[in-house]
């Protein structure tokens, strides 16, 4: 559930980099 929430959080922003989701 935490992974999904973090993914949704970063996906909601227009600015994205591959390293942003590394904490997942």
PDBML (XML) file of the C-alpha atoms, coordinates in Angstrom:
<?xml version="1.0" encoding="UTF-8" ?>
<PDBx:datablock datablockName="MODEL"
   xmlns:PDBx="http://pdbml.pdb.org/schema/pdbx-v50.xsd"
   xmlns:xsi="http://www.w3.org/2001/XMLSchema-instance"
   xsi:schemaLocation="http://pdbml.pdb.org/schema/pdbx-v50.xsd pdbx-v50.xsd">
   <PDBx:atom_siteCategory>
      <PDBx:atom_site id="1">
         <PDBx:B_iso_or_equiv>0.00</PDBx:B_iso_or_equiv>
         <PDBx:Cartn_x>0.000</PDBx:Cartn_x>
         <PDBx:Cartn_y>0.000</PDBx:Cartn_y>
         <PDBx:Cartn_z>0.000</PDBx:Cartn_z>
         <PDBx:auth_asym_id>A</PDBx:auth_asym_id>
         <PDBx:auth_atom_id>CA</PDBx:auth_atom_id>
         <PDBx:auth_comp_id>UNK</PDBx:auth_comp_id>
         <PDBx:auth_seq_id>1</PDBx:auth_seq_id>
         <PDBx:group_PDB>ATOM</PDBx:group_PDB>
         <PDBx:label_alt_id xsi:nil="true" />
         <PDBx:label_asym_id>A</PDBx:label_asym_id>
         <PDBx:label_atom_id>CA</PDBx:label_atom_id>
         <PDBx:label_comp_id>UNK</PDBx:label_comp_id>
         <PDBx:label_entity_id>1</PDBx:label_entity_id>
         <PDBx:label_seq_id>1</PDBx:label_seq_id>
         <PDBx:occupancy>1.00</PDBx:occupancy>
         <PDBx:pdbx_PDB_model_num>1</PDBx:pdbx_PDB_model_num>
         <PDBx:type_symbol>C</PDBx:type_symbol>
      </PDBx:atom_site>
      <PDBx:atom_site id="2">
         <PDBx:B_iso_or_equiv>0.00</PDBx:B_iso_or_equiv>
         <PDBx:Cartn_x>2.868</PDBx:Cartn_x>
         <PDBx:Cartn_y>2.369</PDBx:Cartn_y>
         <PDBx:Cartn_z>0.781</PDBx:Cartn_z>
         <PDBx:auth_asym_id>A</PDBx:auth_asym_id>
         <PDBx:auth_atom_id>CA</PDBx:auth_atom_id>
         <PDBx:auth_comp_id>UNK</PDBx:auth_comp_id>
         <PDBx:auth_seq_id>2</PDBx:auth_seq_id>
         <PDBx:group_PDB>ATOM</PDBx:group_PDB>
         <PDBx:label_alt_id xsi:nil="true" />
         <PDBx:label_asym_id>A</PDBx:label_asym_id>
         <PDBx:label_atom_id>CA</PDBx:label_atom_id>
         <PDBx:label_comp_id>UNK</PDBx:label_comp_id>
         <PDBx:label_entity_id>1</PDBx:label_entity_id>
         <PDBx:label_seq_id>2</PDBx:label_seq_id>
         <PDBx:occupancy>1.00</PDBx:occupancy>
         <PDBx:pdbx_PDB_model_num>1</PDBx:pdbx_PDB_model_num>
         <PDBx:type_symbol>C</PDBx:type_symbol>
      </PDBx:atom_site>
      <PDBx:atom_site id="3">
         <PDBx:B_iso_or_equiv>0.00</PDBx:B_iso_or_equiv>
         <PDBx:Cartn_x>4.495</PDBx:Cartn_x>
         <PDBx:Cartn_y>1.641</PDBx:Cartn_y>
         <PDBx:Cartn_z>-2.593</PDBx:Cartn_z>
         <PDBx:auth_asym_id>A</PDBx:auth_asym_id>
         <PDBx:auth_atom_id>CA</PDBx:auth_atom_id>
         <PDBx:auth_comp_id>UNK</PDBx:auth_comp_id>
         <PDBx:auth_seq_id>3</PDBx:auth_seq_id>
         <PDBx:group_PDB>ATOM</PDBx:group_PDB>
         <PDBx:label_alt_id xsi:nil="true" />
         <PDBx:label_asym_id>A</PDBx:label_asym_id>
         <PDBx:label_atom_id>CA</PDBx:label_atom_id>
         <PDBx:label_comp_id>UNK</PDBx:label_comp_id>
         <PDBx:label_entity_id>1</PDBx:label_entity_id>
         <PDBx:label_seq_id>3</PDBx:label_seq_id>
         <PDBx:occupancy>1.00</PDBx:occupancy>
         <PDBx:pdbx_PDB_model_num>1</PDBx:pdbx_PDB_model_num>
         <PDBx:type_symbol>C</PDBx:type_symbol>
      </PDBx:atom_site>
      <PDBx:atom_site id="4">
         <PDBx:B_iso_or_equiv>0.00</PDBx:B_iso_or_equiv>
         <PDBx:Cartn_x>1.242</PDBx:Cartn_x>
         <PDBx:Cartn_y>2.461</PDBx:Cartn_y>
         <PDBx:Cartn_z>-4.401</PDBx:Cartn_z>
         <PDBx:auth_asym_id>A</PDBx:auth_asym_id>
         <PDBx:auth_atom_id>CA</PDBx:auth_atom_id>
         <PDBx:auth_comp_id>UNK</PDBx:auth_comp_id>
         <PDBx:auth_seq_id>4</PDBx:auth_seq_id>
         <PDBx:group_PDB>ATOM</PDBx:group_PDB>
         <PDBx:label_alt_id xsi:nil="true" />
         <PDBx:label_asym_id>A</PDBx:label_asym_id>
         <PDBx:label_atom_id>CA</PDBx:label_atom_id>
         <PDBx:label_comp_id>UNK</PDBx:label_comp_id>
         <PDBx:label_entity_id>1</PDBx:label_entity_id>
         <PDBx:label_seq_id>4</PDBx:label_seq_id>
         <PDBx:occupancy>1.00</PDBx:occupancy>
         <PDBx:pdbx_PDB_model_num>1</PDBx:pdbx_PDB_model_num>
         <PDBx:type_symbol>C</PDBx:type_symbol>
      </PDBx:atom_site>
      <PDBx:atom_site id="5">
         <PDBx:B_iso_or_equiv>0.00</PDBx:B_iso_or_equiv>
         <PDBx:Cartn_x>0.797</PDBx:Cartn_x>
         <PDBx:Cartn_y>5.717</PDBx:Cartn_y>
         <PDBx:Cartn_z>-2.468</PDBx:Cartn_z>
         <PDBx:auth_asym_id>A</PDBx:auth_asym_id>
         <PDBx:auth_atom_id>CA</PDBx:auth_atom_id>
         <PDBx:auth_comp_id>UNK</PDBx:auth_comp_id>
         <PDBx:auth_seq_id>5</PDBx:auth_seq_id>
         <PDBx:group_PDB>ATOM</PDBx:group_PDB>
         <PDBx:label_alt_id xsi:nil="true" />
         <PDBx:label_asym_id>A</PDBx:label_asym_id>
         <PDBx:label_atom_id>CA</PDBx:label_atom_id>
         <PDBx:label_comp_id>UNK</PDBx:label_comp_id>
         <PDBx:label_entity_id>1</PDBx:label_entity_id>
         <PDBx:label_seq_id>5</PDBx:label_seq_id>
         <PDBx:occupancy>1.00</PDBx:occupancy>
         <PDBx:pdbx_PDB_model_num>1</PDBx:pdbx_PDB_model_num>
         <PDBx:type_symbol>C</PDBx:type_symbol>
      </PDBx:atom_site>
      <PDBx:atom_site id="6">
         <PDBx:B_iso_or_equiv>0.00</PDBx:B_iso_or_equiv>
         <PDBx:Cartn_x>4.359</PDBx:Cartn_x>
         <PDBx:Cartn_y>6.855</PDBx:Cartn_y>
         <PDBx:Cartn_z>-3.194</PDBx:Cartn_z>
         <PDBx:auth_asym_id>A</PDBx:auth_asym_id>
         <PDBx:auth_atom_id>CA</PDBx:auth_atom_id>
         <PDBx:auth_comp_id>UNK</PDBx:auth_comp_id>
         <PDBx:auth_seq_id>6</PDBx:auth_seq_id>
         <PDBx:group_PDB>ATOM</PDBx:group_PDB>
         <PDBx:label_alt_id xsi:nil="true" />
         <PDBx:label_asym_id>A</PDBx:label_asym_id>
         <PDBx:label_atom_id>CA</PDBx:label_atom_id>
         <PDBx:label_comp_id>UNK</PDBx:label_comp_id>
         <PDBx:label_entity_id>1</PDBx:label_entity_id>
         <PDBx:label_seq_id>6</PDBx:label_seq_id>
         <PDBx:occupancy>1.00</PDBx:occupancy>
         <PDBx:pdbx_PDB_model_num>1</PDBx:pdbx_PDB_model_num>
         <PDBx:type_symbol>C</PDBx:type_symbol>
      </PDBx:atom_site>
      <PDBx:atom_site id="7">
         <PDBx:B_iso_or_equiv>0.00</PDBx:B_iso_or_equiv>
         <PDBx:Cartn_x>3.948</PDBx:Cartn_x>
         <PDBx:Cartn_y>5.975</PDBx:Cartn_y>
         <PDBx:Cartn_z>-6.864</PDBx:Cartn_z>
         <PDBx:auth_asym_id>A</PDBx:auth_asym_id>
         <PDBx:auth_atom_id>CA</PDBx:auth_atom_id>
         <PDBx:auth_comp_id>UNK</PDBx:auth_comp_id>
         <PDBx:auth_seq_id>7</PDBx:auth_seq_id>
         <PDBx:group_PDB>ATOM</PDBx:group_PDB>
         <PDBx:label_alt_id xsi:nil="true" />
         <PDBx:label_asym_id>A</PDBx:label_asym_id>
         <PDBx:label_atom_id>CA</PDBx:label_atom_id>
         <PDBx:label_comp_id>UNK</PDBx:label_comp_id>
         <PDBx:label_entity_id>1</PDBx:label_entity_id>
         <PDBx:label_seq_id>7</PDBx:label_seq_id>
         <PDBx:occupancy>1.00</PDBx:occupancy>
         <PDBx:pdbx_PDB_model_num>1</PDBx:pdbx_PDB_model_num>
         <PDBx:type_symbol>C</PDBx:type_symbol>
      </PDBx:atom_site>
      <PDBx:atom_site id="8">
         <PDBx:B_iso_or_equiv>0.00</PDBx:B_iso_or_equiv>
         <PDBx:Cartn_x>0.729</PDBx:Cartn_x>
         <PDBx:Cartn_y>8.004</PDBx:Cartn_y>
         <PDBx:Cartn_z>-7.046</PDBx:Cartn_z>
         <PDBx:auth_asym_id>A</PDBx:auth_asym_id>
         <PDBx:auth_atom_id>CA</PDBx:auth_atom_id>
         <PDBx:auth_comp_id>UNK</PDBx:auth_comp_id>
         <PDBx:auth_seq_id>8</PDBx:auth_seq_id>
         <PDBx:group_PDB>ATOM</PDBx:group_PDB>
         <PDBx:label_alt_id xsi:nil="true" />
         <PDBx:label_asym_id>A</PDBx:label_asym_id>
         <PDBx:label_atom_id>CA</PDBx:label_atom_id>
         <PDBx:label_comp_id>UNK</PDBx:label_comp_id>
         <PDBx:label_entity_id>1</PDBx:label_entity_id>
         <PDBx:label_seq_id>8</PDBx:label_seq_id>
         <PDBx:occupancy>1.00</PDBx:occupancy>
         <PDBx:pdbx_PDB_model_num>1</PDBx:pdbx_PDB_model_num>
         <PDBx:type_symbol>C</PDBx:type_symbol>
      </PDBx:atom_site>
      <PDBx:atom_site id="9">
         <PDBx:B_iso_or_equiv>0.00</PDBx:B_iso_or_equiv>
         <PDBx:Cartn_x>2.404</PDBx:Cartn_x>
         <PDBx:Cartn_y>10.925</PDBx:Cartn_y>
         <PDBx:Cartn_z>-5.259</PDBx:Cartn_z>
         <PDBx:auth_asym_id>A</PDBx:auth_asym_id>
         <PDBx:auth_atom_id>CA</PDBx:auth_atom_id>
         <PDBx:auth_comp_id>UNK</PDBx:auth_comp_id>
         <PDBx:auth_seq_id>9</PDBx:auth_seq_id>
         <PDBx:group_PDB>ATOM</PDBx:group_PDB>
         <PDBx:label_alt_id xsi:nil="true" />
         <PDBx:label_asym_id>A</PDBx:label_asym_id>
         <PDBx:label_atom_id>CA</PDBx:label_atom_id>
         <PDBx:label_comp_id>UNK</PDBx:label_comp_id>
         <PDBx:label_entity_id>1</PDBx:label_entity_id>
         <PDBx:label_seq_id>9</PDBx:label_seq_id>
         <PDBx:occupancy>1.00</PDBx:occupancy>
         <PDBx:pdbx_PDB_model_num>1</PDBx:pdbx_PDB_model_num>
         <PDBx:type_symbol>C</PDBx:type_symbol>
      </PDBx:atom_site>
      <PDBx:atom_site id="10">
         <PDBx:B_iso_or_equiv>0.00</PDBx:B_iso_or_equiv>
         <PDBx:Cartn_x>5.259</PDBx:Cartn_x>
         <PDBx:Cartn_y>11.187</PDBx:Cartn_y>
         <PDBx:Cartn_z>-7.751</PDBx:Cartn_z>
         <PDBx:auth_asym_id>A</PDBx:auth_asym_id>
         <PDBx:auth_atom_id>CA</PDBx:auth_atom_id>
         <PDBx:auth_comp_id>UNK</PDBx:auth_comp_id>
         <PDBx:auth_seq_id>10</PDBx:auth_seq_id>
         <PDBx:group_PDB>ATOM</PDBx:group_PDB>
         <PDBx:label_alt_id xsi:nil="true" />
         <PDBx:label_asym_id>A</PDBx:label_asym_id>
         <PDBx:label_atom_id>CA</PDBx:label_atom_id>
         <PDBx:label_comp_id>UNK</PDBx:label_comp_id>
         <PDBx:label_entity_id>1</PDBx:label_entity_id>
         <PDBx:label_seq_id>10</PDBx:label_seq_id>
         <PDBx:occupancy>1.00</PDBx:occupancy>
         <PDBx:pdbx_PDB_model_num>1</PDBx:pdbx_PDB_model_num>
         <PDBx:type_symbol>C</PDBx:type_symbol>
      </PDBx:atom_site>
      <PDBx:atom_site id="11">
         <PDBx:B_iso_or_equiv>0.00</PDBx:B_iso_or_equiv>
         <PDBx:Cartn_x>3.031</PDBx:Cartn_x>
         <PDBx:Cartn_y>10.460</PDBx:Cartn_y>
         <PDBx:Cartn_z>-10.749</PDBx:Cartn_z>
         <PDBx:auth_asym_id>A</PDBx:auth_asym_id>
         <PDBx:auth_atom_id>CA</PDBx:auth_atom_id>
         <PDBx:auth_comp_id>UNK</PDBx:auth_comp_id>
         <PDBx:auth_seq_id>11</PDBx:auth_seq_id>
         <PDBx:group_PDB>ATOM</PDBx:group_PDB>
         <PDBx:label_alt_id xsi:nil="true" />
         <PDBx:label_asym_id>A</PDBx:label_asym_id>
         <PDBx:label_atom_id>CA</PDBx:label_atom_id>
         <PDBx:label_comp_id>UNK</PDBx:label_comp_id>
         <PDBx:label_entity_id>1</PDBx:label_entity_id>
         <PDBx:label_seq_id>11</PDBx:label_seq_id>
         <PDBx:occupancy>1.00</PDBx:occupancy>
         <PDBx:pdbx_PDB_model_num>1</PDBx:pdbx_PDB_model_num>
         <PDBx:type_symbol>C</PDBx:type_symbol>
      </PDBx:atom_site>
      <PDBx:atom_site id="12">
         <PDBx:B_iso_or_equiv>0.00</PDBx:B_iso_or_equiv>
         <PDBx:Cartn_x>0.802</PDBx:Cartn_x>
         <PDBx:Cartn_y>13.415</PDBx:Cartn_y>
         <PDBx:Cartn_z>-9.844</PDBx:Cartn_z>
         <PDBx:auth_asym_id>A</PDBx:auth_asym_id>
         <PDBx:auth_atom_id>CA</PDBx:auth_atom_id>
         <PDBx:auth_comp_id>UNK</PDBx:auth_comp_id>
         <PDBx:auth_seq_id>12</PDBx:auth_seq_id>
         <PDBx:group_PDB>ATOM</PDBx:group_PDB>
         <PDBx:label_alt_id xsi:nil="true" />
         <PDBx:label_asym_id>A</PDBx:label_asym_id>
         <PDBx:label_atom_id>CA</PDBx:label_atom_id>
         <PDBx:label_comp_id>UNK</PDBx:label_comp_id>
         <PDBx:label_entity_id>1</PDBx:label_entity_id>
         <PDBx:label_seq_id>12</PDBx:label_seq_id>
         <PDBx:occupancy>1.00</PDBx:occupancy>
         <PDBx:pdbx_PDB_model_num>1</PDBx:pdbx_PDB_model_num>
         <PDBx:type_symbol>C</PDBx:type_symbol>
      </PDBx:atom_site>
      <PDBx:atom_site id="13">
         <PDBx:B_iso_or_equiv>0.00</PDBx:B_iso_or_equiv>
         <PDBx:Cartn_x>3.624</PDBx:Cartn_x>
         <PDBx:Cartn_y>15.907</PDBx:Cartn_y>
         <PDBx:Cartn_z>-10.444</PDBx:Cartn_z>
         <PDBx:auth_asym_id>A</PDBx:auth_asym_id>
         <PDBx:auth_atom_id>CA</PDBx:auth_atom_id>
         <PDBx:auth_comp_id>UNK</PDBx:auth_comp_id>
         <PDBx:auth_seq_id>13</PDBx:auth_seq_id>
         <PDBx:group_PDB>ATOM</PDBx:group_PDB>
         <PDBx:label_alt_id xsi:nil="true" />
         <PDBx:label_asym_id>A</PDBx:label_asym_id>
         <PDBx:label_atom_id>CA</PDBx:label_atom_id>
         <PDBx:label_comp_id>UNK</PDBx:label_comp_id>
         <PDBx:label_entity_id>1</PDBx:label_entity_id>
         <PDBx:label_seq_id>13</PDBx:label_seq_id>
         <PDBx:occupancy>1.00</PDBx:occupancy>
         <PDBx:pdbx_PDB_model_num>1</PDBx:pdbx_PDB_model_num>
         <PDBx:type_symbol>C</PDBx:type_symbol>
      </PDBx:atom_site>
      <PDBx:atom_site id="14">
         <PDBx:B_iso_or_equiv>0.00</PDBx:B_iso_or_equiv>
         <PDBx:Cartn_x>4.514</PDBx:Cartn_x>
         <PDBx:Cartn_y>16.913</PDBx:Cartn_y>
         <PDBx:Cartn_z>-13.998</PDBx:Cartn_z>
         <PDBx:auth_asym_id>A</PDBx:auth_asym_id>
         <PDBx:auth_atom_id>CA</PDBx:auth_atom_id>
         <PDBx:auth_comp_id>UNK</PDBx:auth_comp_id>
         <PDBx:auth_seq_id>14</PDBx:auth_seq_id>
         <PDBx:group_PDB>ATOM</PDBx:group_PDB>
         <PDBx:label_alt_id xsi:nil="true" />
         <PDBx:label_asym_id>A</PDBx:label_asym_id>
         <PDBx:label_atom_id>CA</PDBx:label_atom_id>
         <PDBx:label_comp_id>UNK</PDBx:label_comp_id>
         <PDBx:label_entity_id>1</PDBx:label_entity_id>
         <PDBx:label_seq_id>14</PDBx:label_seq_id>
         <PDBx:occupancy>1.00</PDBx:occupancy>
         <PDBx:pdbx_PDB_model_num>1</PDBx:pdbx_PDB_model_num>
         <PDBx:type_symbol>C</PDBx:type_symbol>
      </PDBx:atom_site>
      <PDBx:atom_site id="15">
         <PDBx:B_iso_or_equiv>0.00</PDBx:B_iso_or_equiv>
         <PDBx:Cartn_x>8.241</PDBx:Cartn_x>
         <PDBx:Cartn_y>16.832</PDBx:Cartn_y>
         <PDBx:Cartn_z>-13.153</PDBx:Cartn_z>
         <PDBx:auth_asym_id>A</PDBx:auth_asym_id>
         <PDBx:auth_atom_id>CA</PDBx:auth_atom_id>
         <PDBx:auth_comp_id>UNK</PDBx:auth_comp_id>
         <PDBx:auth_seq_id>15</PDBx:auth_seq_id>
         <PDBx:group_PDB>ATOM</PDBx:group_PDB>
         <PDBx:label_alt_id xsi:nil="true" />
         <PDBx:label_asym_id>A</PDBx:label_asym_id>
         <PDBx:label_atom_id>CA</PDBx:label_atom_id>
         <PDBx:label_comp_id>UNK</PDBx:label_comp_id>
         <PDBx:label_entity_id>1</PDBx:label_entity_id>
         <PDBx:label_seq_id>15</PDBx:label_seq_id>
         <PDBx:occupancy>1.00</PDBx:occupancy>
         <PDBx:pdbx_PDB_model_num>1</PDBx:pdbx_PDB_model_num>
         <PDBx:type_symbol>C</PDBx:type_symbol>
      </PDBx:atom_site>
      <PDBx:atom_site id="16">
         <PDBx:B_iso_or_equiv>0.00</PDBx:B_iso_or_equiv>
         <PDBx:Cartn_x>9.551</PDBx:Cartn_x>
         <PDBx:Cartn_y>13.270</PDBx:Cartn_y>
         <PDBx:Cartn_z>-13.027</PDBx:Cartn_z>
         <PDBx:auth_asym_id>A</PDBx:auth_asym_id>
         <PDBx:auth_atom_id>CA</PDBx:auth_atom_id>
         <PDBx:auth_comp_id>UNK</PDBx:auth_comp_id>
         <PDBx:auth_seq_id>16</PDBx:auth_seq_id>
         <PDBx:group_PDB>ATOM</PDBx:group_PDB>
         <PDBx:label_alt_id xsi:nil="true" />
         <PDBx:label_asym_id>A</PDBx:label_asym_id>
         <PDBx:label_atom_id>CA</PDBx:label_atom_id>
         <PDBx:label_comp_id>UNK</PDBx:label_comp_id>
         <PDBx:label_entity_id>1</PDBx:label_entity_id>
         <PDBx:label_seq_id>16</PDBx:label_seq_id>
         <PDBx:occupancy>1.00</PDBx:occupancy>
         <PDBx:pdbx_PDB_model_num>1</PDBx:pdbx_PDB_model_num>
         <PDBx:type_symbol>C</PDBx:type_symbol>
      </PDBx:atom_site>
      <PDBx:atom_site id="17">
         <PDBx:B_iso_or_equiv>0.00</PDBx:B_iso_or_equiv>
         <PDBx:Cartn_x>12.953</PDBx:Cartn_x>
         <PDBx:Cartn_y>11.590</PDBx:Cartn_y>
         <PDBx:Cartn_z>-12.871</PDBx:Cartn_z>
         <PDBx:auth_asym_id>A</PDBx:auth_asym_id>
         <PDBx:auth_atom_id>CA</PDBx:auth_atom_id>
         <PDBx:auth_comp_id>UNK</PDBx:auth_comp_id>
         <PDBx:auth_seq_id>17</PDBx:auth_seq_id>
         <PDBx:group_PDB>ATOM</PDBx:group_PDB>
         <PDBx:label_alt_id xsi:nil="true" />
         <PDBx:label_asym_id>A</PDBx:label_asym_id>
         <PDBx:label_atom_id>CA</PDBx:label_atom_id>
         <PDBx:label_comp_id>UNK</PDBx:label_comp_id>
         <PDBx:label_entity_id>1</PDBx:label_entity_id>
         <PDBx:label_seq_id>17</PDBx:label_seq_id>
         <PDBx:occupancy>1.00</PDBx:occupancy>
         <PDBx:pdbx_PDB_model_num>1</PDBx:pdbx_PDB_model_num>
         <PDBx:type_symbol>C</PDBx:type_symbol>
      </PDBx:atom_site>
      <PDBx:atom_site id="18">
         <PDBx:B_iso_or_equiv>0.00</PDBx:B_iso_or_equiv>
         <PDBx:Cartn_x>13.685</PDBx:Cartn_x>
         <PDBx:Cartn_y>7.886</PDBx:Cartn_y>
         <PDBx:Cartn_z>-12.660</PDBx:Cartn_z>
         <PDBx:auth_asym_id>A</PDBx:auth_asym_id>
         <PDBx:auth_atom_id>CA</PDBx:auth_atom_id>
         <PDBx:auth_comp_id>UNK</PDBx:auth_comp_id>
         <PDBx:auth_seq_id>18</PDBx:auth_seq_id>
         <PDBx:group_PDB>ATOM</PDBx:group_PDB>
         <PDBx:label_alt_id xsi:nil="true" />
         <PDBx:label_asym_id>A</PDBx:label_asym_id>
         <PDBx:label_atom_id>CA</PDBx:label_atom_id>
         <PDBx:label_comp_id>UNK</PDBx:label_comp_id>
         <PDBx:label_entity_id>1</PDBx:label_entity_id>
         <PDBx:label_seq_id>18</PDBx:label_seq_id>
         <PDBx:occupancy>1.00</PDBx:occupancy>
         <PDBx:pdbx_PDB_model_num>1</PDBx:pdbx_PDB_model_num>
         <PDBx:type_symbol>C</PDBx:type_symbol>
      </PDBx:atom_site>
      <PDBx:atom_site id="19">
         <PDBx:B_iso_or_equiv>0.00</PDBx:B_iso_or_equiv>
         <PDBx:Cartn_x>15.457</PDBx:Cartn_x>
         <PDBx:Cartn_y>8.233</PDBx:Cartn_y>
         <PDBx:Cartn_z>-9.295</PDBx:Cartn_z>
         <PDBx:auth_asym_id>A</PDBx:auth_asym_id>
         <PDBx:auth_atom_id>CA</PDBx:auth_atom_id>
         <PDBx:auth_comp_id>UNK</PDBx:auth_comp_id>
         <PDBx:auth_seq_id>19</PDBx:auth_seq_id>
         <PDBx:group_PDB>ATOM</PDBx:group_PDB>
         <PDBx:label_alt_id xsi:nil="true" />
         <PDBx:label_asym_id>A</PDBx:label_asym_id>
         <PDBx:label_atom_id>CA</PDBx:label_atom_id>
         <PDBx:label_comp_id>UNK</PDBx:label_comp_id>
         <PDBx:label_entity_id>1</PDBx:label_entity_id>
         <PDBx:label_seq_id>19</PDBx:label_seq_id>
         <PDBx:occupancy>1.00</PDBx:occupancy>
         <PDBx:pdbx_PDB_model_num>1</PDBx:pdbx_PDB_model_num>
         <PDBx:type_symbol>C</PDBx:type_symbol>
      </PDBx:atom_site>
      <PDBx:atom_site id="20">
         <PDBx:B_iso_or_equiv>0.00</PDBx:B_iso_or_equiv>
         <PDBx:Cartn_x>12.418</PDBx:Cartn_x>
         <PDBx:Cartn_y>9.761</PDBx:Cartn_y>
         <PDBx:Cartn_z>-7.584</PDBx:Cartn_z>
         <PDBx:auth_asym_id>A</PDBx:auth_asym_id>
         <PDBx:auth_atom_id>CA</PDBx:auth_atom_id>
         <PDBx:auth_comp_id>UNK</PDBx:auth_comp_id>
         <PDBx:auth_seq_id>20</PDBx:auth_seq_id>
         <PDBx:group_PDB>ATOM</PDBx:group_PDB>
         <PDBx:label_alt_id xsi:nil="true" />
         <PDBx:label_asym_id>A</PDBx:label_asym_id>
         <PDBx:label_atom_id>CA</PDBx:label_atom_id>
         <PDBx:label_comp_id>UNK</PDBx:label_comp_id>
         <PDBx:label_entity_id>1</PDBx:label_entity_id>
         <PDBx:label_seq_id>20</PDBx:label_seq_id>
         <PDBx:occupancy>1.00</PDBx:occupancy>
         <PDBx:pdbx_PDB_model_num>1</PDBx:pdbx_PDB_model_num>
         <PDBx:type_symbol>C</PDBx:type_symbol>
      </PDBx:atom_site>
      <PDBx:atom_site id="21">
         <PDBx:B_iso_or_equiv>0.00</PDBx:B_iso_or_equiv>
         <PDBx:Cartn_x>10.794</PDBx:Cartn_x>
         <PDBx:Cartn_y>6.344</PDBx:Cartn_y>
         <PDBx:Cartn_z>-7.071</PDBx:Cartn_z>
         <PDBx:auth_asym_id>A</PDBx:auth_asym_id>
         <PDBx:auth_atom_id>CA</PDBx:auth_atom_id>
         <PDBx:auth_comp_id>UNK</PDBx:auth_comp_id>
         <PDBx:auth_seq_id>21</PDBx:auth_seq_id>
         <PDBx:group_PDB>ATOM</PDBx:group_PDB>
         <PDBx:label_alt_id xsi:nil="true" />
         <PDBx:label_asym_id>A</PDBx:label_asym_id>
         <PDBx:label_atom_id>CA</PDBx:label_atom_id>
         <PDBx:label_comp_id>UNK</PDBx:label_comp_id>
         <PDBx:label_entity_id>1</PDBx:label_entity_id>
         <PDBx:label_seq_id>21</PDBx:label_seq_id>
         <PDBx:occupancy>1.00</PDBx:occupancy>
         <PDBx:pdbx_PDB_model_num>1</PDBx:pdbx_PDB_model_num>
         <PDBx:type_symbol>C</PDBx:type_symbol>
      </PDBx:atom_site>
      <PDBx:atom_site id="22">
         <PDBx:B_iso_or_equiv>0.00</PDBx:B_iso_or_equiv>
         <PDBx:Cartn_x>13.986</PDBx:Cartn_x>
         <PDBx:Cartn_y>4.626</PDBx:Cartn_y>
         <PDBx:Cartn_z>-5.916</PDBx:Cartn_z>
         <PDBx:auth_asym_id>A</PDBx:auth_asym_id>
         <PDBx:auth_atom_id>CA</PDBx:auth_atom_id>
         <PDBx:auth_comp_id>UNK</PDBx:auth_comp_id>
         <PDBx:auth_seq_id>22</PDBx:auth_seq_id>
         <PDBx:group_PDB>ATOM</PDBx:group_PDB>
         <PDBx:label_alt_id xsi:nil="true" />
         <PDBx:label_asym_id>A</PDBx:label_asym_id>
         <PDBx:label_atom_id>CA</PDBx:label_atom_id>
         <PDBx:label_comp_id>UNK</PDBx:label_comp_id>
         <PDBx:label_entity_id>1</PDBx:label_entity_id>
         <PDBx:label_seq_id>22</PDBx:label_seq_id>
         <PDBx:occupancy>1.00</PDBx:occupancy>
         <PDBx:pdbx_PDB_model_num>1</PDBx:pdbx_PDB_model_num>
         <PDBx:type_symbol>C</PDBx:type_symbol>
      </PDBx:atom_site>
      <PDBx:atom_site id="23">
         <PDBx:B_iso_or_equiv>0.00</PDBx:B_iso_or_equiv>
         <PDBx:Cartn_x>12.869</PDBx:Cartn_x>
         <PDBx:Cartn_y>4.721</PDBx:Cartn_y>
         <PDBx:Cartn_z>-2.225</PDBx:Cartn_z>
         <PDBx:auth_asym_id>A</PDBx:auth_asym_id>
         <PDBx:auth_atom_id>CA</PDBx:auth_atom_id>
         <PDBx:auth_comp_id>UNK</PDBx:auth_comp_id>
         <PDBx:auth_seq_id>23</PDBx:auth_seq_id>
         <PDBx:group_PDB>ATOM</PDBx:group_PDB>
         <PDBx:label_alt_id xsi:nil="true" />
         <PDBx:label_asym_id>A</PDBx:label_asym_id>
         <PDBx:label_atom_id>CA</PDBx:label_atom_id>
         <PDBx:label_comp_id>UNK</PDBx:label_comp_id>
         <PDBx:label_entity_id>1</PDBx:label_entity_id>
         <PDBx:label_seq_id>23</PDBx:label_seq_id>
         <PDBx:occupancy>1.00</PDBx:occupancy>
         <PDBx:pdbx_PDB_model_num>1</PDBx:pdbx_PDB_model_num>
         <PDBx:type_symbol>C</PDBx:type_symbol>
      </PDBx:atom_site>
      <PDBx:atom_site id="24">
         <PDBx:B_iso_or_equiv>0.00</PDBx:B_iso_or_equiv>
         <PDBx:Cartn_x>10.092</PDBx:Cartn_x>
         <PDBx:Cartn_y>2.267</PDBx:Cartn_y>
         <PDBx:Cartn_z>-3.198</PDBx:Cartn_z>
         <PDBx:auth_asym_id>A</PDBx:auth_asym_id>
         <PDBx:auth_atom_id>CA</PDBx:auth_atom_id>
         <PDBx:auth_comp_id>UNK</PDBx:auth_comp_id>
         <PDBx:auth_seq_id>24</PDBx:auth_seq_id>
         <PDBx:group_PDB>ATOM</PDBx:group_PDB>
         <PDBx:label_alt_id xsi:nil="true" />
         <PDBx:label_asym_id>A</PDBx:label_asym_id>
         <PDBx:label_atom_id>CA</PDBx:label_atom_id>
         <PDBx:label_comp_id>UNK</PDBx:label_comp_id>
         <PDBx:label_entity_id>1</PDBx:label_entity_id>
         <PDBx:label_seq_id>24</PDBx:label_seq_id>
         <PDBx:occupancy>1.00</PDBx:occupancy>
         <PDBx:pdbx_PDB_model_num>1</PDBx:pdbx_PDB_model_num>
         <PDBx:type_symbol>C</PDBx:type_symbol>
      </PDBx:atom_site>
   </PDBx:atom_siteCategory>
</PDBx:datablock>
